[in-house]
Amino acid sequence: MADHELGAAFYAIRAVASASPDDVDAERAWQLESLPHGVADLVRSDMHLRAVKFQGVFVRLKP
């Protein structure tokens, strides 16, 4: 099941983008800050490795 851990986060960011595009960065930041310390590095690494599959939603788009 580990390969599904990003699915909910992906759809949450897409939902926020549809409802309120200005809040996407805040949602992304909240998700990253909410990761349990023991798995945060693993999840961030997976976000990077699967960036194409998840259409870049885990990458900060605004400067």
Protein backbone atom coordinates (compact mmCIF):
# COMPACT_ATOMS: atom_id res chain seq x y z
CA MET A 1 0.00 0.00 0.00
CA ALA A 2 2.95 2.35 0.31
CA ASP A 3 2.66 3.25 -3.36
CA HIS A 4 -0.74 4.84 -2.66
CA GLU A 5 0.31 7.20 0.12
CA LEU A 6 0.42 10.25 -2.15
CA GLY A 7 -2.99 9.74 -3.73
CA ALA A 8 -5.06 11.51 -1.08
CA ALA A 9 -2.58 14.39 -0.89
CA PHE A 10 -2.66 14.72 -4.68
CA TYR A 11 -6.45 14.90 -4.83
CA ALA A 12 -6.59 17.32 -1.89
CA ILE A 13 -4.24 19.72 -3.67
CA ARG A 14 -6.23 19.39 -6.89
CA ALA A 15 -9.48 20.08 -5.01
CA VAL A 16 -8.01 23.19 -3.40
CA ALA A 17 -6.70 24.31 -6.80
CA SER A 18 -10.20 24.01 -8.24
CA ALA A 19 -11.93 25.76 -5.36
CA SER A 20 -9.36 28.39 -4.44
CA PRO A 21 -6.16 28.49 -6.52
CA ASP A 22 -4.58 31.11 -4.25
CA ASP A 23 -4.62 28.59 -1.38
CA VAL A 24 -2.66 25.81 -3.09
CA ASP A 25 0.69 26.81 -1.58
CA ALA A 26 -0.86 26.90 1.91
CA GLU A 27 -2.39 23.43 1.42
CA ARG A 28 0.90 22.03 0.15
CA ALA A 29 2.79 23.57 3.09
CA TRP A 30 0.24 22.24 5.58
CA GLN A 31 0.57 18.74 4.14
CA LEU A 32 4.35 18.80 4.39
CA GLU A 33 4.33 20.24 7.92
CA SER A 34 1.81 17.60 9.03
CA LEU A 35 3.97 14.64 8.06
CA PRO A 36 5.08 12.52 11.02
CA HIS A 37 8.77 13.06 11.68
CA GLY A 38 9.64 9.40 11.13
CA VAL A 39 8.35 9.29 7.56
CA ALA A 40 8.68 12.89 6.37
CA ASP A 41 11.93 12.35 4.45
CA LEU A 42 10.59 9.20 2.80
CA VAL A 43 7.39 10.91 1.67
CA ARG A 44 9.23 13.98 0.38
CA SER A 45 11.59 11.72 -1.55
CA ASP A 46 8.64 9.85 -3.06
CA MET A 47 7.01 13.17 -4.02
CA HIS A 48 10.16 14.06 -5.90
CA LEU A 49 10.54 10.65 -7.57
CA ARG A 50 6.93 10.55 -8.74
CA ALA A 51 6.58 14.22 -9.70
CA VAL A 52 5.65 13.42 -13.31
CA LYS A 53 2.97 10.91 -12.34
CA PHE A 54 1.41 13.44 -9.96
CA GLN A 55 1.59 16.29 -12.48
CA GLY A 56 4.00 18.35 -10.38
CA VAL A 57 1.40 19.24 -7.73
CA PHE A 58 3.86 18.62 -4.91
CA VAL A 59 6.29 21.19 -6.29
CA ARG A 60 5.85 24.78 -5.19
CA LEU A 61 4.70 26.66 -8.27
CA LYS A 62 4.89 30.23 -6.96
CA PRO A 63 8.22 31.93 -6.06
